Amino acid sequence: MPEPGPTPLQSFLGGIGLALPVQALLSLNSKTFGISGFINGAARGNLEDTLSVLGLISGGFAVGVIEGMKPMIRDSTPLRLILSGVLVGVGAKLGNGCTSGHMICGLSYFSIRSMAATATFFVTASLTTHLLHGTLVAVPGDSSLGAHGGAFLASGFAALTLAFVASRAIGVNVRARQAVALCSGFAFALALRLSNLTDQRRILAFLLTPVHTAFDPSLVYLATGVIPLASVLYRVGSVRVQRKGKVDARLLAGAAVFGVGWGIEGICPGPGLVNFGWALATGANITPLATWLVAVIIGGLLVPS
């Protein structure tokens, strides 16, 4: 029986794997890797955003094919899934981003708005998790690369290589942008699974903070892998992100609402899409994940652009 604990190597390498599709999308499409933005854009018929979403789902499907086992999801009522999803959707739209856009990309770009949003949603998510998941037990740890880590790394790298080849072979046009959107989403999904942060139990265990016996620092290892590398790649690249103004009440309110929704279930848009694809591949847990994702879409549509 494995001892409880984090997955340091998998989470760190998964973080490195996340930095590469983030930079690929920025360099080749001049676009920030914001998954809640992809979902909102796809819901409104934007084809490029739809392909990014499909890339994440297809990456999750590949995970299911590679692993064979069903995605982990805690027992939850439909009402809680819906409430969590709606709050995540509303909060991400109000706050103009979620964990991918603010925590991964924003912190890497030294965005003051993203720093404020990230701090806010971590506080409200932690408070919510302590309130609802105080009885959580520690998750088994693994200090190795894992049984399928090599396959995840190879598949993600192949997807990114395809994105660059397509961009260079086709040239800068709509088809090339679509190929990059799809392939970068696929690569991101594989890296996210490698990190083990698709497992909502590890997210909730992190949000319980070190004061709790179930605390899991795997997210710290992921951040250590992704943020420094993404920051370096951003600074050596030629594309810069447009600054979106000062920290305001809408940003902080949205981040706070997002954090509550995140803390209810431990699911945010990236893992939600990846696990949904994984569920489709295995035929297990499709309904709860679909319920949560539909609620996220509805939440986003409730907030005016």
Protein backbone atom coordinates (compact mmCIF):
# COMPACT_ATOMS: atom_id res chain seq x y z
CA MET A 1 0.00 0.00 0.00
CA PRO A 2 1.64 3.31 -1.05
CA GLU A 3 2.34 5.84 1.69
CA PRO A 4 0.29 9.07 1.62
CA GLY A 5 2.08 12.01 0.06
CA PRO A 6 2.74 14.08 -3.07
CA THR A 7 3.96 13.13 -6.55
CA PRO A 8 6.99 15.45 -6.80
CA LEU A 9 8.63 14.20 -10.01
CA GLN A 10 5.40 13.76 -11.95
CA SER A 11 4.04 17.13 -10.84
CA PHE A 12 7.28 18.98 -11.57
CA LEU A 13 7.69 17.44 -15.04
CA GLY A 14 4.01 17.98 -15.69
CA GLY A 15 4.55 21.66 -14.88
CA ILE A 16 7.40 21.84 -17.38
CA GLY A 17 5.15 20.15 -19.90
CA LEU A 18 2.47 22.80 -19.31
CA ALA A 19 4.85 25.68 -20.02
CA LEU A 20 5.54 24.45 -23.56
CA PRO A 21 1.97 24.53 -25.01
CA VAL A 22 1.36 27.80 -23.16
CA GLN A 23 4.30 29.38 -24.96
CA ALA A 24 3.46 27.66 -28.27
CA LEU A 25 -0.02 29.18 -28.30
CA LEU A 26 1.37 32.60 -27.42
CA SER A 27 4.23 32.50 -29.95
CA LEU A 28 2.31 31.01 -32.85
CA ASN A 29 -1.20 32.41 -32.29
CA SER A 30 -0.43 35.46 -30.10
CA LYS A 31 -2.98 34.11 -27.63
CA THR A 32 -2.93 33.53 -23.86
CA PHE A 33 -3.71 29.98 -22.75
CA GLY A 34 -6.86 30.78 -20.78
CA ILE A 35 -9.12 27.74 -20.57
CA SER A 36 -12.19 29.48 -19.18
CA GLY A 37 -11.85 31.91 -22.09
CA PHE A 38 -11.72 28.96 -24.50
CA ILE A 39 -14.94 27.57 -23.00
CA ASN A 40 -16.72 30.93 -23.19
CA GLY A 41 -15.53 31.48 -26.76
CA ALA A 42 -16.57 27.99 -27.81
CA ALA A 43 -20.02 28.51 -26.29
CA ARG A 44 -20.38 31.56 -28.54
CA GLY A 45 -19.26 29.72 -31.67
CA ASN A 46 -15.60 30.76 -31.95
CA LEU A 47 -13.98 27.96 -33.96
CA GLU A 48 -10.42 28.48 -32.69
CA ASP A 49 -11.57 28.36 -29.06
CA THR A 50 -13.68 25.31 -29.86
CA LEU A 51 -10.60 23.55 -31.20
CA SER A 52 -8.65 24.41 -28.04
CA VAL A 53 -11.46 22.84 -26.00
CA LEU A 54 -11.50 19.80 -28.27
CA GLY A 55 -7.73 19.53 -27.92
CA LEU A 56 -8.06 19.36 -24.14
CA ILE A 57 -10.88 16.81 -24.34
CA SER A 58 -9.06 14.69 -26.93
CA GLY A 59 -5.95 14.78 -24.74
CA GLY A 60 -8.08 13.45 -21.91
CA PHE A 61 -9.43 10.77 -24.24
CA ALA A 62 -5.84 9.76 -25.01
CA VAL A 63 -5.18 9.52 -21.27
CA GLY A 64 -8.08 7.10 -20.96
CA VAL A 65 -6.73 4.99 -23.82
CA ILE A 66 -3.21 4.96 -22.36
CA GLU A 67 -4.22 4.24 -18.77
CA GLY A 68 -7.37 2.18 -19.23
CA MET A 69 -8.65 3.10 -15.77
CA LYS A 70 -11.52 5.52 -15.09
CA PRO A 71 -10.93 9.12 -13.97
CA MET A 72 -11.06 9.75 -10.22
CA ILE A 73 -14.02 11.78 -9.00
CA ARG A 74 -15.31 12.17 -5.46
CA ASP A 75 -18.88 11.21 -4.68
CA SER A 76 -20.96 14.33 -5.07
CA THR A 77 -24.60 15.30 -5.51
CA PRO A 78 -25.80 16.85 -8.77
CA LEU A 79 -26.73 20.01 -6.85
CA ARG A 80 -23.18 20.51 -5.60
CA LEU A 81 -21.73 19.83 -9.04
CA ILE A 82 -24.09 22.38 -10.57
CA LEU A 83 -23.41 24.97 -7.87
CA SER A 84 -19.66 24.50 -8.23
CA GLY A 85 -19.80 24.72 -12.01
CA VAL A 86 -21.98 27.81 -12.11
CA LEU A 87 -19.79 29.64 -9.58
CA VAL A 88 -16.62 28.68 -11.48
CA GLY A 89 -18.19 29.89 -14.74
CA VAL A 90 -19.48 33.15 -13.27
CA GLY A 91 -16.28 33.83 -11.36
CA ALA A 92 -13.95 33.10 -14.27
CA LYS A 93 -15.97 35.37 -16.57
CA LEU A 94 -16.15 38.20 -14.03
CA GLY A 95 -12.50 37.84 -13.09
CA ASN A 96 -11.38 37.41 -16.70
CA GLY A 97 -9.54 34.15 -16.07
CA CYS A 98 -9.05 31.01 -14.01
CA THR A 99 -6.10 28.94 -12.82
CA SER A 100 -4.59 28.62 -16.30
CA GLY A 101 -4.97 32.24 -17.39
CA HIS A 102 -4.17 33.89 -14.06
CA MET A 103 -2.05 31.42 -12.10
CA ILE A 104 0.03 29.87 -14.89
CA CYS A 105 0.15 32.56 -17.56
CA GLY A 106 -0.46 35.69 -15.50
CA LEU A 107 2.10 34.93 -12.81
CA SER A 108 4.62 33.97 -15.48
CA TYR A 109 4.08 37.34 -17.19
CA PHE A 110 4.33 39.19 -13.83
CA SER A 111 0.79 40.55 -14.18
CA ILE A 112 -0.31 42.49 -11.08
CA ARG A 113 -3.96 41.71 -11.90
CA SER A 114 -3.21 38.00 -12.06
CA MET A 115 -1.27 38.12 -8.80
CA ALA A 116 -4.27 39.73 -7.09
CA ALA A 117 -6.74 37.31 -8.68
CA THR A 118 -4.65 34.24 -7.83
CA ALA A 119 -4.22 35.28 -4.20
CA THR A 120 -7.95 35.97 -3.93
CA PHE A 121 -9.20 32.70 -5.38
CA PHE A 122 -6.74 30.66 -3.35
CA VAL A 123 -8.00 32.27 -0.14
CA THR A 124 -11.70 31.73 -0.87
CA ALA A 125 -11.05 28.22 -2.24
CA SER A 126 -9.09 27.28 0.88
CA LEU A 127 -11.79 28.60 3.22
CA THR A 128 -14.46 26.72 1.27
CA THR A 129 -12.43 23.51 1.27
CA HIS A 130 -11.86 23.68 5.02
CA LEU A 131 -15.59 24.14 5.50
CA LEU A 132 -16.72 21.31 3.21
CA HIS A 133 -13.83 18.83 3.08
CA GLY A 134 -12.29 18.87 6.53
CA THR A 135 -12.55 15.08 6.78
CA LEU A 136 -10.50 14.44 3.62
CA VAL A 137 -7.85 11.74 4.00
CA ALA A 138 -4.37 11.90 2.49
CA VAL A 139 -3.91 10.61 -1.06
CA PRO A 140 -1.23 7.94 -1.81
CA GLY A 141 2.07 9.44 -2.99
CA ASP A 142 4.56 8.37 -5.66
CA SER A 143 8.10 9.70 -6.07
CA SER A 144 8.64 8.01 -9.46
CA LEU A 145 7.69 9.07 -12.98
CA GLY A 146 4.75 6.70 -12.82
CA ALA A 147 3.71 3.82 -15.06
CA HIS A 148 2.58 6.06 -17.91
CA GLY A 149 4.67 9.21 -17.40
CA GLY A 150 6.90 8.49 -20.38
CA ALA A 151 3.91 7.97 -22.66
CA PHE A 152 2.35 11.25 -21.53
CA LEU A 153 5.58 13.16 -22.14
CA ALA A 154 6.13 11.60 -25.56
CA SER A 155 2.54 12.18 -26.69
CA GLY A 156 2.57 15.80 -25.55
CA PHE A 157 5.89 16.48 -27.24
CA ALA A 158 4.63 14.88 -30.47
CA ALA A 159 1.54 17.12 -30.40
CA LEU A 160 3.64 20.25 -29.95
CA THR A 161 6.01 19.18 -32.73
CA LEU A 162 3.01 18.74 -35.01
CA ALA A 163 1.79 22.23 -34.07
CA PHE A 164 5.12 23.83 -35.01
CA VAL A 165 5.43 21.79 -38.22
CA ALA A 166 1.89 22.71 -39.26
CA SER A 167 2.51 26.36 -38.53
CA ARG A 168 5.68 26.43 -40.59
CA ALA A 169 4.41 24.23 -43.44
CA ILE A 170 1.03 25.90 -43.87
CA GLY A 171 2.21 29.41 -43.07
CA VAL A 172 0.51 32.05 -40.98
CA ASN A 173 -3.17 31.64 -41.79
CA VAL A 174 -6.44 30.45 -40.28
CA ARG A 175 -5.74 26.74 -40.79
CA ALA A 176 -2.35 27.00 -39.09
CA ARG A 177 -3.88 28.81 -36.11
CA GLN A 178 -6.53 26.11 -35.82
CA ALA A 179 -3.91 23.34 -35.87
CA VAL A 180 -1.91 25.12 -33.16
CA ALA A 181 -5.04 25.58 -31.01
CA LEU A 182 -5.92 21.90 -31.24
CA CYS A 183 -2.40 20.54 -30.72
CA SER A 184 -1.49 22.87 -27.85
CA GLY A 185 -4.70 21.88 -26.05
CA PHE A 186 -3.87 18.21 -26.54
CA ALA A 187 -0.32 18.66 -25.21
CA PHE A 188 -1.56 20.68 -22.22
CA ALA A 189 -3.98 17.88 -21.33
CA LEU A 190 -1.25 15.22 -21.32
CA ALA A 191 1.03 17.38 -19.16
CA LEU A 192 -1.80 18.13 -16.75
CA ARG A 193 -2.50 14.42 -16.33
CA LEU A 194 1.20 13.73 -15.80
CA SER A 195 1.21 16.28 -12.99
CA ASN A 196 -1.63 14.38 -11.22
CA LEU A 197 -3.47 17.67 -10.70
CA THR A 198 -6.42 16.30 -12.67
CA ASP A 199 -7.21 14.47 -9.41
CA GLN A 200 -9.60 16.69 -7.46
CA ARG A 201 -8.52 15.00 -4.22
CA ARG A 202 -5.00 16.41 -4.61
CA ILE A 203 -6.36 19.88 -5.32
CA LEU A 204 -8.60 19.76 -2.26
CA ALA A 205 -5.73 18.38 -0.16
CA PHE A 206 -3.54 21.31 -1.24
CA LEU A 207 -6.28 23.82 -0.49
CA LEU A 208 -6.57 22.42 3.04
CA THR A 209 -3.08 23.96 3.62
CA PRO A 210 -0.28 22.47 5.79
CA VAL A 211 -2.38 22.82 8.95
CA HIS A 212 -4.35 19.73 7.85
CA THR A 213 -3.02 16.16 7.99
CA ALA A 214 -4.19 15.47 4.43
CA PHE A 215 -2.20 18.39 2.92
CA ASP A 216 -0.64 17.53 -0.45
CA PRO A 217 2.00 19.92 -1.89
CA SER A 218 1.90 18.48 -5.43
CA LEU A 219 0.57 21.79 -6.77
CA VAL A 220 3.72 23.49 -5.47
CA TYR A 221 5.87 21.11 -7.52
CA LEU A 222 3.74 21.84 -10.59
CA ALA A 223 4.10 25.60 -10.06
CA THR A 224 7.87 25.19 -9.61
CA GLY A 225 8.01 23.46 -12.99
CA VAL A 226 5.70 25.70 -14.99
CA ILE A 227 6.02 29.30 -13.77
CA PRO A 228 9.81 29.87 -13.97
CA LEU A 229 10.07 28.14 -17.37
CA ALA A 230 7.01 29.89 -18.79
CA SER A 231 8.41 33.20 -17.54
CA VAL A 232 11.78 32.62 -19.24
CA LEU A 233 10.14 31.49 -22.49
CA TYR A 234 7.91 34.55 -22.44
CA ARG A 235 10.87 36.89 -22.00
CA VAL A 236 12.95 35.34 -24.77
CA GLY A 237 9.94 35.20 -27.11
CA SER A 238 8.84 38.05 -29.35
CA VAL A 239 5.12 38.20 -28.48
CA ARG A 240 3.97 40.30 -25.53
CA VAL A 241 0.63 40.20 -23.71
CA GLN A 242 -1.38 43.40 -23.64
CA ARG A 243 -1.88 44.71 -20.09
CA LYS A 244 -5.58 44.82 -19.17
CA GLY A 245 -5.72 47.63 -16.65
CA LYS A 246 -5.65 47.93 -12.89
CA VAL A 247 -6.91 45.65 -10.17
CA ASP A 248 -10.60 46.48 -9.72
CA ALA A 249 -13.66 45.28 -7.83
CA ARG A 250 -14.93 43.15 -10.73
CA LEU A 251 -11.63 41.24 -10.91
CA LEU A 252 -11.51 40.57 -7.16
CA ALA A 253 -15.21 39.68 -6.92
CA GLY A 254 -14.88 37.28 -9.84
CA ALA A 255 -11.78 35.65 -8.38
CA ALA A 256 -13.51 35.26 -5.01
CA VAL A 257 -16.57 33.63 -6.58
CA PHE A 258 -14.35 31.37 -8.70
CA GLY A 259 -12.47 30.28 -5.58
CA VAL A 260 -15.68 29.29 -3.79
CA GLY A 261 -16.76 27.20 -6.79
CA TRP A 262 -13.31 25.64 -7.03
CA GLY A 263 -13.29 24.77 -3.33
CA ILE A 264 -16.72 23.09 -3.48
CA GLU A 265 -15.54 20.30 -5.80
CA GLY A 266 -11.81 20.81 -6.39
CA ILE A 267 -12.39 21.05 -10.15
CA CYS A 268 -11.41 23.95 -12.41
CA PRO A 269 -11.85 24.23 -16.20
CA GLY A 270 -8.64 22.47 -17.32
CA PRO A 271 -9.02 19.30 -15.24
CA GLY A 272 -12.77 19.35 -15.92
CA LEU A 273 -12.25 19.12 -19.69
CA VAL A 274 -9.40 16.61 -19.47
CA ASN A 275 -11.33 14.34 -17.11
CA PHE A 276 -14.40 14.59 -19.33
CA GLY A 277 -12.37 13.32 -22.30
CA TRP A 278 -10.93 10.62 -20.08
CA ALA A 279 -14.45 9.63 -19.01
CA LEU A 280 -15.56 9.41 -22.65
CA ALA A 281 -12.70 6.99 -23.35
CA THR A 282 -13.57 4.70 -20.45
CA GLY A 283 -17.35 5.13 -20.30
CA ALA A 284 -17.19 5.95 -16.57
CA ASN A 285 -18.17 9.13 -14.67
CA ILE A 286 -19.41 10.87 -17.81
CA THR A 287 -22.60 12.24 -16.24
CA PRO A 288 -21.10 14.09 -13.24
CA LEU A 289 -18.33 15.65 -15.33
CA ALA A 290 -20.76 16.65 -18.10
CA THR A 291 -23.08 18.15 -15.46
CA TRP A 292 -20.24 20.23 -14.05
CA LEU A 293 -19.07 21.43 -17.48
CA VAL A 294 -22.57 22.40 -18.63
CA ALA A 295 -22.95 24.38 -15.39
CA VAL A 296 -19.65 26.18 -16.11
CA ILE A 297 -20.87 27.13 -19.58
CA ILE A 298 -24.18 28.40 -18.17
CA GLY A 299 -22.34 30.39 -15.51
CA GLY A 300 -20.20 32.06 -18.14
CA LEU A 301 -23.22 32.92 -20.26
CA LEU A 302 -24.92 34.57 -17.26
CA VAL A 303 -22.23 37.27 -17.11
CA PRO A 304 -22.28 40.02 -19.77
CA SER A 305 -19.06 40.38 -21.75
